[in-house]
Amino acid sequence: MPPLPITVCLVSGAEAARIGRCLDSVAGWTRELVVVLNEEVADGTEALVTQRGGTVHRHPWAGFREQKNRVLGYATQPWILALDADEVVSPALRRQIEAFFQDAASECAGARFPRLTWFMGRWIRHGDWYPDHVLRLFRREAGRWGGSPEHTHVEVTGQVRTFTGDLLHFSNPSVNGYVQKIPYYADLYLQRQLADGVAWKPFQVVFRAAWRFVRAYFLKRGFLDGYPGFFLAVSTAYAALVRHTKLYEHLNQRPPPAGTEAE
């Protein structure tokens, strides 16, 4: 089978340690590879892309949404497969994409598929993390990246097909790496709350955090993932609490009293 009329689009920072597996999963059956790379990166990521026949464009970081839309402008093929450096197209997903182009691509504007994440030594198949459907295959003229700065997604005009093959996700190699992302996304969320003029409401904050745990651990059966499922349910609730507490902190900032006695 000749390569499919797909441009694989990525934005990347210093990802030499893991981008190779991503690129190898699309090699040979897609027609074009384009990467927008942060301009300061010098860890060998660019060489790994060019060795596989890809094209690299250097740009300063402009945020997830803007950077991902920027790379679309370099694509020449009618279809886009948008990936991150820590994602891998599974053999099952590849087969479904190939079958899609044989019998259904002419009728659709895009396709979504589940994303399966590896964390704490196992695949996470329940809770808030799975199936985590993502729309990443779409007609170039029918889709753009939208959403908020901290949570981007592809928006398409037209019919969307849903696949069952997994996009494999190797996002968090350690608990430290996962936990360190919480304040970063909390800061982005605070900026959006301030821009929208959101009022801080204590009941909503407590309810949202508690609901995130109940939903992930019980309703979405996170308990079936063992201790990692419990940890993710708790940490997801904690992340929600941090996001909304940042607004409380911002609204109640004031200098400490000048004296040594508490008022």
Protein backbone atom coordinates (compact mmCIF):
# COMPACT_ATOMS: atom_id res chain seq x y z
CA MET A 1 0.00 0.00 0.00
CA PRO A 2 1.42 3.45 -0.90
CA PRO A 3 1.73 6.03 1.87
CA LEU A 4 -1.56 7.60 2.89
CA PRO A 5 -2.17 11.30 2.05
CA ILE A 6 -1.45 12.35 5.63
CA THR A 7 0.84 14.98 7.11
CA VAL A 8 1.92 14.01 10.62
CA CYS A 9 2.12 17.27 12.60
CA LEU A 10 3.93 17.71 15.91
CA VAL A 11 5.04 20.56 18.11
CA SER A 12 8.00 19.74 20.29
CA GLY A 13 10.45 20.92 22.87
CA ALA A 14 13.51 18.94 23.98
CA GLU A 15 12.11 15.47 23.31
CA ALA A 16 15.10 13.51 22.01
CA ALA A 17 14.58 10.86 24.71
CA ARG A 18 11.13 9.81 23.49
CA ILE A 19 10.17 11.34 20.14
CA GLY A 20 11.84 8.54 18.18
CA ARG A 21 9.22 5.98 19.21
CA CYS A 22 6.47 8.35 18.10
CA LEU A 23 8.04 8.97 14.71
CA ASP A 24 8.74 5.29 14.10
CA SER A 25 5.06 4.47 14.65
CA VAL A 26 4.05 6.57 11.62
CA ALA A 27 7.04 5.88 9.37
CA GLY A 28 6.43 4.33 5.96
CA TRP A 29 2.64 4.61 5.80
CA THR A 30 2.16 8.40 6.06
CA ARG A 31 3.38 10.75 3.34
CA GLU A 32 4.74 13.75 5.24
CA LEU A 33 6.19 14.65 8.63
CA VAL A 34 6.34 18.26 9.88
CA VAL A 35 7.56 19.41 13.29
CA VAL A 36 7.53 22.88 14.82
CA LEU A 37 10.38 22.92 17.33
CA ASN A 38 11.02 25.45 20.10
CA GLU A 39 13.80 27.67 18.82
CA GLU A 40 16.11 27.11 21.81
CA VAL A 41 16.08 23.28 21.70
CA ALA A 42 19.54 21.73 21.14
CA ASP A 43 19.23 18.18 22.50
CA GLY A 44 19.19 16.29 19.19
CA THR A 45 15.43 16.33 18.61
CA GLU A 46 15.84 18.02 15.22
CA ALA A 47 18.31 15.40 14.03
CA LEU A 48 15.94 12.58 14.94
CA VAL A 49 13.20 14.20 12.86
CA THR A 50 15.35 14.91 9.82
CA GLN A 51 16.86 11.40 9.91
CA ARG A 52 13.34 10.09 9.36
CA GLY A 53 12.66 12.40 6.45
CA GLY A 54 10.77 15.05 8.39
CA THR A 55 10.90 18.83 8.10
CA VAL A 56 11.64 21.02 11.12
CA HIS A 57 10.60 24.65 11.56
CA ARG A 58 11.94 26.65 14.51
CA HIS A 59 9.66 29.06 16.35
CA PRO A 60 9.56 30.60 19.84
CA TRP A 61 6.98 29.05 22.13
CA ALA A 62 3.57 30.69 21.67
CA GLY A 63 1.35 28.43 23.77
CA PHE A 64 -0.11 25.02 22.96
CA ARG A 65 -3.05 26.15 20.86
CA GLU A 66 -1.16 28.71 18.80
CA GLN A 67 1.85 26.46 18.27
CA LYS A 68 -0.30 23.53 17.13
CA ASN A 69 -2.17 25.73 14.68
CA ARG A 70 1.13 27.09 13.40
CA VAL A 71 2.39 23.65 12.37
CA LEU A 72 -0.79 23.04 10.36
CA GLY A 73 0.29 25.86 8.07
CA TYR A 74 3.29 23.82 6.90
CA ALA A 75 1.28 20.73 5.95
CA THR A 76 0.77 19.96 2.25
CA GLN A 77 -1.31 16.79 2.43
CA PRO A 78 -5.14 16.81 2.55
CA TRP A 79 -5.26 14.99 5.89
CA ILE A 80 -3.57 15.77 9.23
CA LEU A 81 -2.54 13.32 11.94
CA ALA A 82 -1.71 15.50 14.96
CA LEU A 83 0.50 13.85 17.57
CA ASP A 84 2.58 14.74 20.60
CA ALA A 85 6.13 13.50 21.08
CA ASP A 86 5.00 11.18 23.89
CA GLU A 87 2.29 9.46 21.80
CA VAL A 88 2.56 6.33 19.68
CA VAL A 89 0.16 4.99 17.06
CA SER A 90 -0.57 1.38 18.03
CA PRO A 91 -0.65 -1.33 15.33
CA ALA A 92 -4.40 -1.69 15.87
CA LEU A 93 -4.97 2.03 15.36
CA ARG A 94 -2.79 2.04 12.24
CA ARG A 95 -4.85 -0.77 10.73
CA GLN A 96 -8.07 1.12 11.41
CA ILE A 97 -6.69 4.30 9.84
CA GLU A 98 -5.65 2.36 6.74
CA ALA A 99 -9.07 0.74 6.50
CA PHE A 100 -10.70 4.14 6.97
CA PHE A 101 -8.93 5.50 3.90
CA GLN A 102 -10.06 2.53 1.85
CA ASP A 103 -13.78 2.83 2.50
CA ALA A 104 -14.91 5.86 4.56
CA ALA A 105 -12.50 8.81 4.39
CA SER A 106 -14.40 10.48 1.56
CA GLU A 107 -17.49 10.76 3.78
CA CYS A 108 -15.82 12.17 6.91
CA ALA A 109 -14.04 15.26 8.13
CA GLY A 110 -12.16 13.53 10.92
CA ALA A 111 -11.76 10.61 13.30
CA ARG A 112 -11.32 10.24 17.05
CA PHE A 113 -9.82 7.36 19.00
CA PRO A 114 -9.14 6.37 22.61
CA ARG A 115 -5.87 7.32 24.25
CA LEU A 116 -4.33 4.73 26.57
CA THR A 117 -1.78 5.99 29.10
CA TRP A 118 1.13 4.12 30.69
CA PHE A 119 1.64 5.20 34.31
CA MET A 120 3.26 3.67 37.41
CA GLY A 121 4.15 0.48 35.56
CA ARG A 122 0.76 -0.31 34.01
CA TRP A 123 -1.78 0.75 31.40
CA ILE A 124 -4.52 2.87 32.96
CA ARG A 125 -7.78 1.51 31.53
CA HIS A 126 -10.36 3.17 33.78
CA GLY A 127 -11.09 6.38 35.66
CA ASP A 128 -10.76 9.82 34.08
CA TRP A 129 -7.85 8.71 31.93
CA TYR A 130 -9.57 6.16 29.70
CA PRO A 131 -10.92 6.04 27.09
CA ASP A 132 -10.03 9.77 26.85
CA HIS A 133 -11.13 10.03 23.20
CA VAL A 134 -9.08 12.51 21.17
CA LEU A 135 -9.78 13.79 17.67
CA ARG A 136 -6.41 13.82 15.95
CA LEU A 137 -7.07 12.72 12.35
CA PHE A 138 -8.85 15.34 10.25
CA ARG A 139 -9.07 17.03 6.88
CA ARG A 140 -6.64 19.92 6.72
CA GLU A 141 -9.24 22.42 5.49
CA ALA A 142 -11.90 21.27 7.99
CA GLY A 143 -10.08 21.44 11.33
CA ARG A 144 -8.25 23.81 13.66
CA TRP A 145 -7.02 23.67 17.23
CA GLY A 146 -9.36 25.39 19.70
CA GLY A 147 -10.14 25.24 23.40
CA SER A 148 -8.49 27.01 26.31
CA PRO A 149 -4.74 27.60 26.76
CA GLU A 150 -4.47 24.67 29.20
CA HIS A 151 -6.82 22.27 27.41
CA THR A 152 -6.67 22.31 23.62
CA HIS A 153 -8.65 20.16 21.22
CA VAL A 154 -9.27 19.90 17.49
CA GLU A 155 -12.50 21.44 16.22
CA VAL A 156 -13.77 20.13 12.88
CA THR A 157 -16.69 20.85 10.59
CA GLY A 158 -18.27 17.65 9.28
CA GLN A 159 -18.85 14.02 10.15
CA VAL A 160 -16.48 12.38 12.64
CA ARG A 161 -15.78 8.64 12.85
CA THR A 162 -14.82 6.91 16.13
CA PHE A 163 -12.15 4.18 16.14
CA THR A 164 -11.45 1.58 18.82
CA GLY A 165 -7.67 1.26 18.30
CA ASP A 166 -5.62 3.01 20.99
CA LEU A 167 -3.28 5.95 20.71
CA LEU A 168 -0.61 5.00 23.24
CA HIS A 169 0.42 7.76 25.64
CA PHE A 170 3.69 7.85 27.60
CA SER A 171 3.15 11.23 29.21
CA ASN A 172 4.37 10.81 32.79
CA PRO A 173 7.52 8.73 33.29
CA SER A 174 7.39 9.35 37.05
CA VAL A 175 5.08 10.54 39.82
CA ASN A 176 7.29 13.64 40.18
CA GLY A 177 6.77 14.54 36.53
CA TYR A 178 3.02 14.18 36.89
CA VAL A 179 2.74 16.19 40.12
CA GLN A 180 4.95 19.00 38.82
CA LYS A 181 2.41 19.74 36.08
CA ILE A 182 -0.33 20.63 38.57
CA PRO A 183 0.86 24.19 39.44
CA TYR A 184 1.63 24.96 35.78
CA TYR A 185 -1.91 24.18 34.65
CA ALA A 186 -3.34 25.84 37.77
CA ASP A 187 -1.62 29.10 36.78
CA LEU A 188 -3.07 28.91 33.26
CA TYR A 189 -6.52 28.23 34.69
CA LEU A 190 -6.20 31.21 37.03
CA GLN A 191 -5.44 33.49 34.09
CA ARG A 192 -8.61 32.32 32.34
CA GLN A 193 -10.71 32.77 35.50
CA LEU A 194 -9.45 36.33 35.90
CA ALA A 195 -10.11 37.11 32.24
CA ASP A 196 -13.67 35.77 32.59
CA GLY A 197 -14.33 37.59 35.87
CA VAL A 198 -15.11 34.37 37.77
CA ALA A 199 -16.19 34.75 41.41
CA TRP A 200 -14.74 32.38 44.04
CA LYS A 201 -17.43 30.25 45.71
CA PRO A 202 -16.29 27.91 48.52
CA PHE A 203 -19.09 25.36 48.11
CA GLN A 204 -18.39 24.94 44.40
CA VAL A 205 -14.67 24.46 45.05
CA VAL A 206 -15.20 21.73 47.65
CA PHE A 207 -17.93 20.04 45.61
CA ARG A 208 -15.88 20.00 42.42
CA ALA A 209 -12.87 18.43 44.11
CA ALA A 210 -14.97 15.77 45.85
CA TRP A 211 -16.90 15.06 42.66
CA ARG A 212 -13.72 14.51 40.68
CA PHE A 213 -12.67 11.76 43.11
CA VAL A 214 -16.08 10.06 43.19
CA ARG A 215 -16.41 10.18 39.43
CA ALA A 216 -12.92 8.85 38.69
CA TYR A 217 -12.70 6.18 41.39
CA PHE A 218 -16.25 4.86 41.63
CA LEU A 219 -18.35 5.87 38.62
CA LYS A 220 -15.55 5.36 36.11
CA ARG A 221 -14.19 2.34 38.02
CA GLY A 222 -10.73 3.67 38.72
CA PHE A 223 -10.51 1.12 41.53
CA LEU A 224 -9.97 -1.56 38.87
CA ASP A 225 -6.54 -0.01 38.17
CA GLY A 226 -5.33 -0.88 41.66
CA TYR A 227 -3.31 1.60 43.68
CA PRO A 228 -2.45 3.73 40.60
CA GLY A 229 -6.20 4.18 40.06
CA PHE A 230 -6.62 5.38 43.63
CA PHE A 231 -3.65 7.72 43.36
CA LEU A 232 -4.97 9.24 40.13
CA ALA A 233 -8.45 9.77 41.57
CA VAL A 234 -7.01 11.52 44.64
CA SER A 235 -4.52 13.59 42.65
CA THR A 236 -7.18 14.61 40.13
CA ALA A 237 -9.33 15.89 43.01
CA TYR A 238 -6.30 17.65 44.49
CA ALA A 239 -5.50 19.28 41.14
CA ALA A 240 -9.07 20.61 40.97
CA LEU A 241 -8.72 21.98 44.50
CA VAL A 242 -5.43 23.71 43.63
CA ARG A 243 -6.87 25.24 40.44
CA HIS A 244 -9.72 26.90 42.30
CA THR A 245 -7.69 27.79 45.41
CA LYS A 246 -5.32 29.82 43.23
CA LEU A 247 -8.21 32.22 42.61
CA TYR A 248 -8.88 32.50 46.37
CA GLU A 249 -5.21 33.24 46.98
CA HIS A 250 -5.16 35.89 44.26
CA LEU A 251 -8.28 37.64 45.56
CA ASN A 252 -7.07 37.65 49.18
CA GLN A 253 -3.47 38.71 48.75
CA ARG A 254 -2.36 41.39 51.20
CA PRO A 255 0.90 42.22 52.98
CA PRO A 256 1.52 40.70 56.41
CA PRO A 257 1.14 42.93 59.49
CA ALA A 258 4.12 45.13 60.31
CA GLY A 259 4.41 44.04 63.93
CA THR A 260 5.35 40.74 65.48
CA GLU A 261 1.98 40.11 67.14
CA ALA A 262 -0.94 38.47 65.38
CA GLU A 263 -3.89 40.80 64.99
